[in-house]
Amino acid sequence: MPEVDAIGTYIMGHDPKELFYTRIAKERCIGECDPRKIDIYWIRDGQVTRANLADVKNYRIGVNLHTWAETGERLFW
């Protein structure tokens, strides 16, 4: 489910539309990668309510250090 990865990426402070596998999933009609188009729900005290994307905090948590072994090119962002 690319929606879970898209929201997780958003919370980590990155643009999920730039993450190659969520973007490709969207292109292949497997799921959505735009957090503005994904329904998000809170479960609090046994109650389920819909959340606004603006209520979901996001944090920039560092730099992606993964590189392509053959070229040294940075992956993802």
N, C-alpha and C. Protein backbone atom coordinates (compact mmCIF):
# COMPACT_ATOMS: atom_id res chain seq x y z
N MET A 1 0.84 -1.18 0.00
CA MET A 1 0.00 0.00 0.00
C MET A 1 0.89 1.25 0.00
N PRO A 2 1.02 1.88 -1.13
CA PRO A 2 1.88 3.06 -1.19
C PRO A 2 1.35 4.22 -0.35
N GLU A 3 0.07 4.22 0.01
CA GLU A 3 -0.46 5.31 0.83
C GLU A 3 0.22 5.36 2.20
N VAL A 4 0.49 4.20 2.78
CA VAL A 4 1.17 4.15 4.08
C VAL A 4 2.57 4.74 3.95
N ASP A 5 3.29 4.35 2.91
CA ASP A 5 4.63 4.89 2.69
C ASP A 5 4.58 6.38 2.38
N ALA A 6 3.58 6.81 1.63
CA ALA A 6 3.45 8.23 1.30
C ALA A 6 3.25 9.07 2.56
N ILE A 7 2.38 8.63 3.45
CA ILE A 7 2.14 9.39 4.69
C ILE A 7 3.36 9.32 5.59
N GLY A 8 4.00 8.15 5.68
CA GLY A 8 5.23 8.03 6.47
C GLY A 8 6.31 8.95 5.96
N THR A 9 6.47 9.02 4.65
CA THR A 9 7.45 9.90 4.04
C THR A 9 7.11 11.36 4.33
N TYR A 10 5.83 11.70 4.26
CA TYR A 10 5.38 13.06 4.57
C TYR A 10 5.72 13.42 6.02
N ILE A 11 5.46 12.50 6.95
CA ILE A 11 5.75 12.76 8.36
C ILE A 11 7.25 12.96 8.56
N MET A 12 8.06 12.26 7.77
CA MET A 12 9.51 12.41 7.89
C MET A 12 10.02 13.68 7.20
N GLY A 13 9.11 14.47 6.63
CA GLY A 13 9.49 15.75 6.07
C GLY A 13 9.90 15.74 4.62
N HIS A 14 9.59 14.67 3.90
CA HIS A 14 9.96 14.58 2.50
C HIS A 14 8.72 14.57 1.62
N ASP A 15 8.90 14.82 0.35
CA ASP A 15 7.80 14.82 -0.60
C ASP A 15 7.60 13.42 -1.15
N PRO A 16 6.51 12.73 -0.79
CA PRO A 16 6.31 11.36 -1.27
C PRO A 16 6.13 11.26 -2.78
N LYS A 17 5.82 12.36 -3.43
CA LYS A 17 5.70 12.32 -4.90
C LYS A 17 7.07 12.21 -5.55
N GLU A 18 8.14 12.46 -4.78
CA GLU A 18 9.50 12.34 -5.30
C GLU A 18 10.12 10.99 -5.00
N LEU A 19 9.47 10.18 -4.18
CA LEU A 19 9.97 8.85 -3.84
C LEU A 19 9.62 7.92 -4.99
N PHE A 20 10.64 7.29 -5.59
CA PHE A 20 10.41 6.59 -6.86
C PHE A 20 9.36 5.49 -6.77
N TYR A 21 9.34 4.70 -5.70
CA TYR A 21 8.41 3.57 -5.70
C TYR A 21 6.98 3.99 -5.42
N THR A 22 6.74 5.08 -4.68
CA THR A 22 5.36 5.53 -4.51
C THR A 22 4.87 6.21 -5.79
N ARG A 23 5.77 6.91 -6.46
CA ARG A 23 5.40 7.54 -7.73
C ARG A 23 5.08 6.49 -8.79
N ILE A 24 5.90 5.44 -8.86
CA ILE A 24 5.65 4.38 -9.84
C ILE A 24 4.36 3.63 -9.51
N ALA A 25 4.10 3.40 -8.21
CA ALA A 25 2.84 2.76 -7.82
C ALA A 25 1.65 3.59 -8.28
N LYS A 26 1.75 4.90 -8.14
CA LYS A 26 0.68 5.80 -8.61
C LYS A 26 0.52 5.68 -10.12
N GLU A 27 1.64 5.69 -10.85
CA GLU A 27 1.59 5.59 -12.31
C GLU A 27 0.98 4.27 -12.77
N ARG A 28 1.14 3.21 -11.98
CA ARG A 28 0.60 1.90 -12.34
C ARG A 28 -0.76 1.64 -11.70
N CYS A 29 -1.36 2.69 -11.14
CA CYS A 29 -2.70 2.62 -10.53
C CYS A 29 -2.78 1.64 -9.37
N ILE A 30 -1.68 1.52 -8.61
CA ILE A 30 -1.67 0.65 -7.44
C ILE A 30 -2.11 1.42 -6.20
N GLY A 31 -1.87 2.71 -6.17
CA GLY A 31 -2.24 3.51 -5.01
C GLY A 31 -1.92 4.97 -5.24
N GLU A 32 -2.15 5.76 -4.22
CA GLU A 32 -1.97 7.21 -4.28
C GLU A 32 -0.68 7.60 -3.57
N CYS A 33 0.03 8.59 -4.10
CA CYS A 33 1.24 9.07 -3.45
C CYS A 33 1.14 10.53 -3.00
N ASP A 34 0.06 11.20 -3.31
CA ASP A 34 -0.13 12.59 -2.91
C ASP A 34 -0.86 12.62 -1.57
N PRO A 35 -0.19 13.06 -0.50
CA PRO A 35 -0.83 13.03 0.83
C PRO A 35 -2.11 13.84 0.90
N ARG A 36 -2.26 14.85 0.05
CA ARG A 36 -3.49 15.66 0.06
C ARG A 36 -4.69 14.88 -0.43
N LYS A 37 -4.45 13.77 -1.13
CA LYS A 37 -5.54 12.97 -1.69
C LYS A 37 -5.79 11.68 -0.90
N ILE A 38 -5.07 11.50 0.22
CA ILE A 38 -5.19 10.28 1.02
C ILE A 38 -6.01 10.59 2.27
N ASP A 39 -7.00 9.77 2.55
CA ASP A 39 -7.79 9.92 3.78
C ASP A 39 -6.96 9.47 4.96
N ILE A 40 -6.88 10.32 5.98
CA ILE A 40 -6.13 10.02 7.20
C ILE A 40 -7.10 10.07 8.37
N TYR A 41 -6.99 9.09 9.25
CA TYR A 41 -7.90 9.02 10.40
C TYR A 41 -7.11 8.91 11.69
N TRP A 42 -7.62 9.55 12.74
CA TRP A 42 -7.10 9.40 14.09
C TRP A 42 -7.94 8.35 14.80
N ILE A 43 -7.31 7.57 15.65
CA ILE A 43 -8.05 6.69 16.57
C ILE A 43 -7.63 7.12 17.96
N ARG A 44 -8.55 7.76 18.66
CA ARG A 44 -8.26 8.28 20.00
C ARG A 44 -9.42 7.94 20.91
N ASP A 45 -9.09 7.36 22.05
CA ASP A 45 -10.11 6.99 23.04
C ASP A 45 -11.21 6.13 22.42
N GLY A 46 -10.82 5.26 21.50
CA GLY A 46 -11.78 4.36 20.88
C GLY A 46 -12.65 5.00 19.81
N GLN A 47 -12.42 6.26 19.52
CA GLN A 47 -13.20 6.98 18.50
C GLN A 47 -12.36 7.19 17.24
N VAL A 48 -12.96 6.97 16.11
CA VAL A 48 -12.29 7.18 14.84
C VAL A 48 -12.79 8.49 14.25
N THR A 49 -11.86 9.39 13.96
CA THR A 49 -12.21 10.66 13.33
C THR A 49 -11.26 10.94 12.19
N ARG A 50 -11.74 11.64 11.21
CA ARG A 50 -10.91 11.99 10.07
C ARG A 50 -9.99 13.15 10.45
N ALA A 51 -8.75 13.05 10.03
CA ALA A 51 -7.76 14.10 10.31
C ALA A 51 -7.54 14.95 9.08
N ASN A 52 -7.21 16.20 9.29
CA ASN A 52 -6.77 17.07 8.21
C ASN A 52 -5.27 16.92 8.06
N LEU A 53 -4.77 16.98 6.84
CA LEU A 53 -3.34 16.85 6.62
C LEU A 53 -2.57 17.92 7.39
N ALA A 54 -3.16 19.10 7.53
CA ALA A 54 -2.50 20.18 8.27
C ALA A 54 -2.31 19.83 9.75
N ASP A 55 -3.11 18.90 10.27
CA ASP A 55 -2.99 18.48 11.67
C ASP A 55 -1.90 17.43 11.87
N VAL A 56 -1.41 16.86 10.79
CA VAL A 56 -0.38 15.82 10.87
C VAL A 56 0.98 16.52 10.83
N LYS A 57 1.71 16.45 11.93
CA LYS A 57 3.01 17.12 12.01
C LYS A 57 4.01 16.38 11.14
N ASN A 58 4.88 17.15 10.51
CA ASN A 58 5.97 16.52 9.77
C ASN A 58 7.30 17.14 10.23
N TYR A 59 8.32 16.31 10.21
CA TYR A 59 9.63 16.68 10.71
C TYR A 59 10.68 16.30 9.68
N ARG A 60 11.61 17.17 9.46
CA ARG A 60 12.73 16.85 8.58
C ARG A 60 13.73 16.07 9.41
N ILE A 61 13.87 14.79 9.16
CA ILE A 61 14.72 13.98 10.03
C ILE A 61 15.98 13.51 9.32
N GLY A 62 16.81 14.43 8.96
CA GLY A 62 18.12 14.07 8.45
C GLY A 62 18.19 13.89 6.96
N VAL A 63 19.31 13.41 6.53
CA VAL A 63 19.61 13.26 5.12
C VAL A 63 19.68 11.77 4.80
N ASN A 64 19.16 11.41 3.65
CA ASN A 64 19.25 10.03 3.20
C ASN A 64 20.68 9.77 2.76
N LEU A 65 21.33 8.81 3.40
CA LEU A 65 22.73 8.53 3.11
C LEU A 65 22.93 7.35 2.18
N HIS A 66 21.84 6.75 1.69
CA HIS A 66 21.96 5.60 0.81
C HIS A 66 22.47 6.04 -0.55
N THR A 67 23.39 5.26 -1.12
CA THR A 67 23.92 5.57 -2.44
C THR A 67 23.90 4.32 -3.31
N TRP A 68 23.86 4.55 -4.58
CA TRP A 68 23.95 3.47 -5.54
C TRP A 68 25.41 3.02 -5.55
N ALA A 69 25.65 1.75 -5.26
CA ALA A 69 27.02 1.25 -5.06
C ALA A 69 27.91 1.48 -6.28
N GLU A 70 27.37 1.31 -7.48
CA GLU A 70 28.20 1.39 -8.68
C GLU A 70 28.60 2.83 -9.03
N THR A 71 27.69 3.79 -8.78
CA THR A 71 27.96 5.16 -9.23
C THR A 71 28.19 6.15 -8.10
N GLY A 72 27.78 5.79 -6.88
CA GLY A 72 27.88 6.73 -5.77
C GLY A 72 26.76 7.75 -5.76
N GLU A 73 25.80 7.63 -6.69
CA GLU A 73 24.68 8.57 -6.77
C GLU A 73 23.74 8.38 -5.58
N ARG A 74 23.30 9.52 -4.98
CA ARG A 74 22.38 9.43 -3.86
C ARG A 74 21.02 8.94 -4.35
N LEU A 75 20.38 8.11 -3.54
CA LEU A 75 19.06 7.59 -3.87
C LEU A 75 18.00 8.35 -3.10
N PHE A 76 16.81 8.34 -3.60
CA PHE A 76 15.61 8.94 -3.01
C PHE A 76 15.69 10.45 -3.03
N TRP A 77 16.26 11.08 -2.01
CA TRP A 77 16.23 12.53 -1.87
C TRP A 77 17.55 13.04 -1.39
